Amino acid sequence: MRVHHFDCARMLEIEPADGPDSPLSPAAAVSHVLLVETDSSGLVLVDTGIGHADIANPAERLLNDWVELTQPSLDPATTAVAQITALGLSPADVRHIVLTHLHRDHAGGLSDFPDAAVHLFEAELADGGKTPAQLAHGPKWVTYNSGSGERWKGFDRVQALDAIAEEILLIPLHGHTPGHAGVAVRDTDRWLIHAGDAYMYHGEVDRPTPDTHPLMELVQASGEVDREQRLAGVATLREMTLDPQGDVEVFSAHDPWELARYL
């Protein structure tokens, strides 16, 4: 497999929160999306960012309050479909989309890939997302019961995906939303875990005593549905990140400094 990393919804600039000696510079918050070229299952997207229809009609599909808060660039070149095309690949070959959750900046691009199977937890589909207009095209849902699955690297009830032969796993990381998921992708000799919005700043997982980002923590606290459940999942991600013998790399959806590791 080959994994590509996209930013599919560049948003407002944020300051690092690592103290005055931080080597990091201010950067625009991102929507970190994966494109996986598989050997037998076509192209697989992990999240979609916002899509062409969102950019054409942000008031209906993204909602004005969210646009004012996050200040997305609304640049068609940042959409997943445009970035796939820029790689010389065909968006029509996207056969599967795996969602961390249904928030507008993660699922808005679904309508750019109407023939793809869309994988997510049942509880997330039942919750319904935030903007029904983004789902009005009728995605081809493939749902999973988060009470099933196997133990994997500290997590319970982890599941392989239907009709995808490659090693891509759905991890219950509930709490940000009722059916929020992490997505693990095998990349050569390591696992990548896209943690979605389970956390929003690298300081929450890359040090023994976690540090949050003041602004991103406000965003998280205003929307999470079960803080205790969410933080339990983040604690397991932190253990993985800090394990010197581990073969896992973890990143979240909106931290620009995590995305920069892969670009």
Protein backbone atom coordinates (compact mmCIF):
# COMPACT_ATOMS: atom_id res chain seq x y z
CA MET A 1 0.00 0.00 0.00
CA ARG A 2 0.98 3.63 -0.43
CA VAL A 3 -0.33 6.34 1.89
CA HIS A 4 -0.73 10.01 1.00
CA HIS A 5 -1.47 12.80 3.50
CA PHE A 6 -3.73 15.71 2.49
CA ASP A 7 -4.95 18.90 4.11
CA CYS A 8 -8.55 19.14 2.93
CA ALA A 9 -9.81 22.16 4.87
CA ARG A 10 -7.17 24.73 5.79
CA MET A 11 -8.59 26.91 8.55
CA LEU A 12 -7.63 29.78 10.86
CA GLU A 13 -4.06 30.19 12.06
CA ILE A 14 -3.29 28.98 15.58
CA GLU A 15 -0.31 29.48 17.85
CA PRO A 16 1.62 26.51 19.26
CA ALA A 17 1.07 25.97 22.97
CA ASP A 18 4.44 24.42 23.83
CA GLY A 19 5.81 27.40 25.73
CA PRO A 20 8.12 30.29 24.82
CA ASP A 21 10.98 28.00 23.80
CA SER A 22 8.90 26.02 21.31
CA PRO A 23 10.57 25.55 17.91
CA LEU A 24 7.12 25.56 16.30
CA SER A 25 5.71 28.52 14.39
CA PRO A 26 2.05 29.53 14.11
CA ALA A 27 0.25 27.51 11.46
CA ALA A 28 -3.20 27.13 9.96
CA ALA A 29 -5.37 24.42 11.48
CA VAL A 30 -5.91 21.59 9.01
CA SER A 31 -8.23 18.75 8.11
CA HIS A 32 -5.84 15.80 7.87
CA VAL A 33 -7.08 13.23 5.34
CA LEU A 34 -5.42 10.00 4.20
CA LEU A 35 -5.52 8.53 0.72
CA VAL A 36 -4.49 4.87 0.64
CA GLU A 37 -3.54 3.22 -2.64
CA THR A 38 -4.27 -0.46 -2.09
CA ASP A 39 -3.34 -3.50 -4.14
CA SER A 40 -6.82 -5.01 -4.35
CA SER A 41 -9.40 -2.56 -2.96
CA GLY A 42 -8.88 0.50 -5.12
CA LEU A 43 -8.33 3.87 -3.49
CA VAL A 44 -9.42 4.28 0.13
CA LEU A 45 -9.96 7.65 1.83
CA VAL A 46 -9.83 8.15 5.59
CA ASP A 47 -12.12 11.15 6.11
CA THR A 48 -12.79 13.58 3.24
CA GLY A 49 -12.44 17.11 4.57
CA ILE A 50 -14.83 19.56 2.94
CA GLY A 51 -15.91 19.05 -0.66
CA HIS A 52 -16.73 20.95 -3.82
CA ALA A 53 -20.39 21.38 -2.92
CA ASP A 54 -19.41 22.82 0.48
CA ILE A 55 -17.23 25.42 -1.22
CA ALA A 56 -20.00 26.28 -3.70
CA ASN A 57 -22.66 26.62 -1.00
CA PRO A 58 -21.04 27.12 2.42
CA ALA A 59 -24.08 28.77 4.00
CA GLU A 60 -26.24 25.66 3.55
CA ARG A 61 -23.67 22.91 3.89
CA LEU A 62 -21.14 24.32 6.37
CA LEU A 63 -23.35 26.92 8.10
CA ASN A 64 -22.36 30.53 8.53
CA ASP A 65 -21.51 30.31 12.24
CA TRP A 66 -19.01 27.51 11.61
CA VAL A 67 -17.45 29.32 8.65
CA GLU A 68 -17.04 32.49 10.73
CA LEU A 69 -15.47 30.53 13.60
CA THR A 70 -13.04 28.36 11.63
CA GLN A 71 -12.34 30.57 8.59
CA PRO A 72 -11.82 27.76 6.05
CA SER A 73 -9.98 28.76 2.88
CA LEU A 74 -12.79 27.43 0.64
CA ASP A 75 -10.21 26.71 -2.06
CA PRO A 76 -11.34 24.02 -4.55
CA ALA A 77 -7.70 22.90 -4.90
CA THR A 78 -7.71 21.66 -1.30
CA THR A 79 -10.58 19.20 -1.80
CA ALA A 80 -9.73 15.51 -1.75
CA VAL A 81 -11.06 15.05 -5.28
CA ALA A 82 -8.74 17.81 -6.58
CA GLN A 83 -5.70 16.48 -4.73
CA ILE A 84 -6.31 12.94 -5.98
CA THR A 85 -6.50 14.26 -9.54
CA ALA A 86 -3.28 16.23 -9.00
CA LEU A 87 -1.52 12.96 -8.16
CA GLY A 88 -2.51 11.59 -11.57
CA LEU A 89 -5.08 9.25 -10.04
CA SER A 90 -8.78 8.98 -10.83
CA PRO A 91 -11.36 9.98 -8.18
CA ALA A 92 -13.60 7.32 -9.72
CA ASP A 93 -11.21 4.73 -8.28
CA VAL A 94 -12.09 5.74 -4.70
CA ARG A 95 -14.05 2.63 -3.75
CA HIS A 96 -14.10 3.07 0.03
CA ILE A 97 -14.23 5.94 2.50
CA VAL A 98 -13.60 5.33 6.20
CA LEU A 99 -14.92 8.07 8.49
CA THR A 100 -13.74 9.04 11.93
CA HIS A 101 -17.07 10.85 12.36
CA LEU A 102 -19.74 12.81 10.54
CA HIS A 103 -18.86 16.39 11.39
CA ARG A 104 -18.93 18.77 8.42
CA ASP A 105 -15.16 19.16 8.09
CA HIS A 106 -14.66 15.38 8.01
CA ALA A 107 -17.54 14.19 5.83
CA GLY A 108 -18.32 17.15 3.57
CA GLY A 109 -16.49 15.62 0.63
CA LEU A 110 -18.60 12.45 0.57
CA SER A 111 -20.72 13.76 -2.29
CA ASP A 112 -17.60 14.04 -4.47
CA PHE A 113 -17.40 10.21 -4.35
CA PRO A 114 -21.04 9.07 -4.65
CA ASP A 115 -20.19 5.48 -5.63
CA ALA A 116 -17.83 4.77 -2.71
CA ALA A 117 -18.82 2.56 0.22
CA VAL A 118 -18.71 4.67 3.40
CA HIS A 119 -17.58 2.82 6.54
CA LEU A 120 -18.43 4.03 10.06
CA PHE A 121 -19.82 2.91 13.40
CA GLU A 122 -23.60 2.44 13.70
CA ALA A 123 -23.76 4.89 16.59
CA GLU A 124 -22.22 7.61 14.44
CA LEU A 125 -24.74 7.18 11.65
CA ALA A 126 -27.56 7.20 14.21
CA ASP A 127 -26.25 10.53 15.54
CA GLY A 128 -26.58 11.95 12.05
CA GLY A 129 -23.80 14.51 11.81
CA LYS A 130 -24.31 18.26 11.88
CA THR A 131 -25.44 19.31 8.40
CA PRO A 132 -27.99 17.02 6.69
CA ALA A 133 -27.37 18.76 3.36
CA GLN A 134 -23.94 17.11 3.19
CA LEU A 135 -25.54 13.66 3.29
CA ALA A 136 -28.54 14.34 1.04
CA HIS A 137 -26.96 12.52 -1.92
CA GLY A 138 -27.50 9.19 -0.14
CA PRO A 139 -24.08 7.70 0.74
CA LYS A 140 -23.62 3.94 0.49
CA TRP A 141 -23.26 3.21 4.20
CA VAL A 142 -21.42 0.20 5.64
CA THR A 143 -21.91 0.22 9.40
CA TYR A 144 -20.22 -1.59 12.29
CA ASN A 145 -21.43 -2.41 15.78
CA SER A 146 -18.92 -1.05 18.27
CA GLY A 147 -19.72 -3.90 20.65
CA SER A 148 -17.97 -6.37 18.34
CA GLY A 149 -14.33 -6.93 17.41
CA GLU A 150 -11.01 -8.03 18.84
CA ARG A 151 -8.38 -6.63 21.21
CA TRP A 152 -5.58 -4.81 19.37
CA LYS A 153 -2.66 -2.86 20.88
CA GLY A 154 -4.51 -1.76 24.01
CA PHE A 155 -7.91 -1.21 22.42
CA ASP A 156 -10.92 -3.52 22.66
CA ARG A 157 -13.48 -4.19 19.91
CA VAL A 158 -11.26 -3.27 16.97
CA GLN A 159 -12.61 -4.43 13.59
CA ALA A 160 -11.29 -5.09 10.11
CA LEU A 161 -13.32 -3.49 7.35
CA ASP A 162 -15.77 -5.34 5.12
CA ALA A 163 -14.68 -5.80 1.49
CA ILE A 164 -11.22 -4.32 2.12
CA ALA A 165 -8.47 -6.95 2.02
CA GLU A 166 -5.73 -4.62 3.21
CA GLU A 167 -4.91 -3.93 6.84
CA ILE A 168 -7.19 -1.03 7.71
CA LEU A 169 -8.91 -1.18 11.10
CA LEU A 170 -11.76 0.67 12.80
CA ILE A 171 -11.08 1.55 16.44
CA PRO A 172 -13.79 2.69 18.87
CA LEU A 173 -12.62 6.10 20.10
CA HIS A 174 -16.02 7.34 21.18
CA GLY A 175 -16.63 10.47 23.19
CA HIS A 176 -16.10 13.36 20.81
CA THR A 177 -19.23 12.02 19.12
CA PRO A 178 -21.26 8.90 20.02
CA GLY A 179 -19.66 6.76 17.31
CA HIS A 180 -16.33 8.49 16.81
CA ALA A 181 -13.63 6.17 15.43
CA GLY A 182 -9.91 5.97 15.06
CA VAL A 183 -8.65 4.41 11.84
CA ALA A 184 -5.45 2.33 11.78
CA VAL A 185 -3.64 1.84 8.47
CA ARG A 186 -0.71 -0.51 8.02
CA ASP A 187 2.08 1.42 6.27
CA THR A 188 5.05 -0.88 5.54
CA ASP A 189 6.71 -1.51 8.93
CA ARG A 190 4.48 0.72 11.05
CA TRP A 191 0.87 1.45 11.85
CA LEU A 192 -0.61 4.91 11.35
CA ILE A 193 -3.58 5.78 13.55
CA HIS A 194 -5.76 8.64 12.38
CA ALA A 195 -7.37 9.65 15.66
CA GLY A 196 -9.83 12.14 14.17
CA ASP A 197 -10.99 14.54 16.86
CA ALA A 198 -10.34 12.22 19.81
CA TYR A 199 -7.74 14.88 20.64
CA MET A 200 -6.77 18.09 18.84
CA TYR A 201 -3.19 18.91 19.88
CA HIS A 202 -0.01 16.84 19.84
CA GLY A 203 0.79 17.79 23.44
CA GLU A 204 -2.07 15.56 24.57
CA VAL A 205 -0.27 12.39 23.45
CA ASP A 206 3.46 13.03 22.98
CA ARG A 207 4.48 13.62 26.63
CA PRO A 208 3.84 11.82 29.94
CA THR A 209 1.97 14.79 31.40
CA PRO A 210 -0.41 15.94 28.68
CA ASP A 211 -0.77 19.57 27.61
CA THR A 212 -3.84 20.86 25.81
CA HIS A 213 -4.10 23.80 23.43
CA PRO A 214 -6.29 26.52 25.01
CA LEU A 215 -8.25 27.34 21.86
CA MET A 216 -8.57 23.77 20.61
CA GLU A 217 -9.61 22.61 24.07
CA LEU A 218 -12.44 25.15 24.04
CA VAL A 219 -13.57 23.75 20.69
CA GLN A 220 -13.37 20.20 22.03
CA ALA A 221 -15.22 20.97 25.25
CA SER A 222 -18.03 22.73 23.41
CA GLY A 223 -18.85 19.70 21.31
CA GLU A 224 -17.81 16.46 23.02
CA VAL A 225 -20.57 14.13 24.19
CA ASP A 226 -18.68 11.99 26.74
CA ARG A 227 -15.47 13.48 28.12
CA GLU A 228 -14.54 10.52 30.33
CA GLN A 229 -14.87 8.08 27.45
CA ARG A 230 -12.91 10.33 25.10
CA LEU A 231 -10.04 10.84 27.54
CA ALA A 232 -9.79 7.10 28.18
CA GLY A 233 -9.13 6.58 24.49
CA VAL A 234 -6.60 9.41 24.41
CA ALA A 235 -4.75 7.81 27.34
CA THR A 236 -4.31 4.62 25.31
CA LEU A 237 -3.09 6.63 22.31
CA ARG A 238 -0.57 8.34 24.60
CA GLU A 239 0.74 4.99 25.81
CA MET A 240 1.24 3.90 22.21
CA THR A 241 3.00 7.14 21.27
CA LEU A 242 5.39 6.98 24.22
CA ASP A 243 6.22 3.28 23.89
CA PRO A 244 9.86 3.18 22.66
CA GLN A 245 9.34 -0.35 21.34
CA GLY A 246 6.07 0.48 19.60
CA ASP A 247 5.34 0.42 15.88
CA VAL A 248 2.50 2.97 15.95
CA GLU A 249 2.38 6.63 14.91
CA VAL A 250 -0.62 8.64 16.05
CA PHE A 251 -1.99 11.91 14.69
CA SER A 252 -5.21 13.87 14.97
CA ALA A 253 -7.28 15.66 12.35
CA HIS A 254 -6.58 19.34 12.98
CA ASP A 255 -3.04 19.67 14.37
CA PRO A 256 -0.93 21.30 11.61
CA TRP A 257 2.37 20.38 13.25
CA GLU A 258 1.47 16.68 13.17
CA LEU A 259 0.55 16.89 9.49
CA ALA A 260 3.87 18.63 8.76
CA ARG A 261 5.71 15.43 9.76
CA TYR A 262 4.30 13.73 6.66
CA LEU A 263 4.42 16.46 4.01
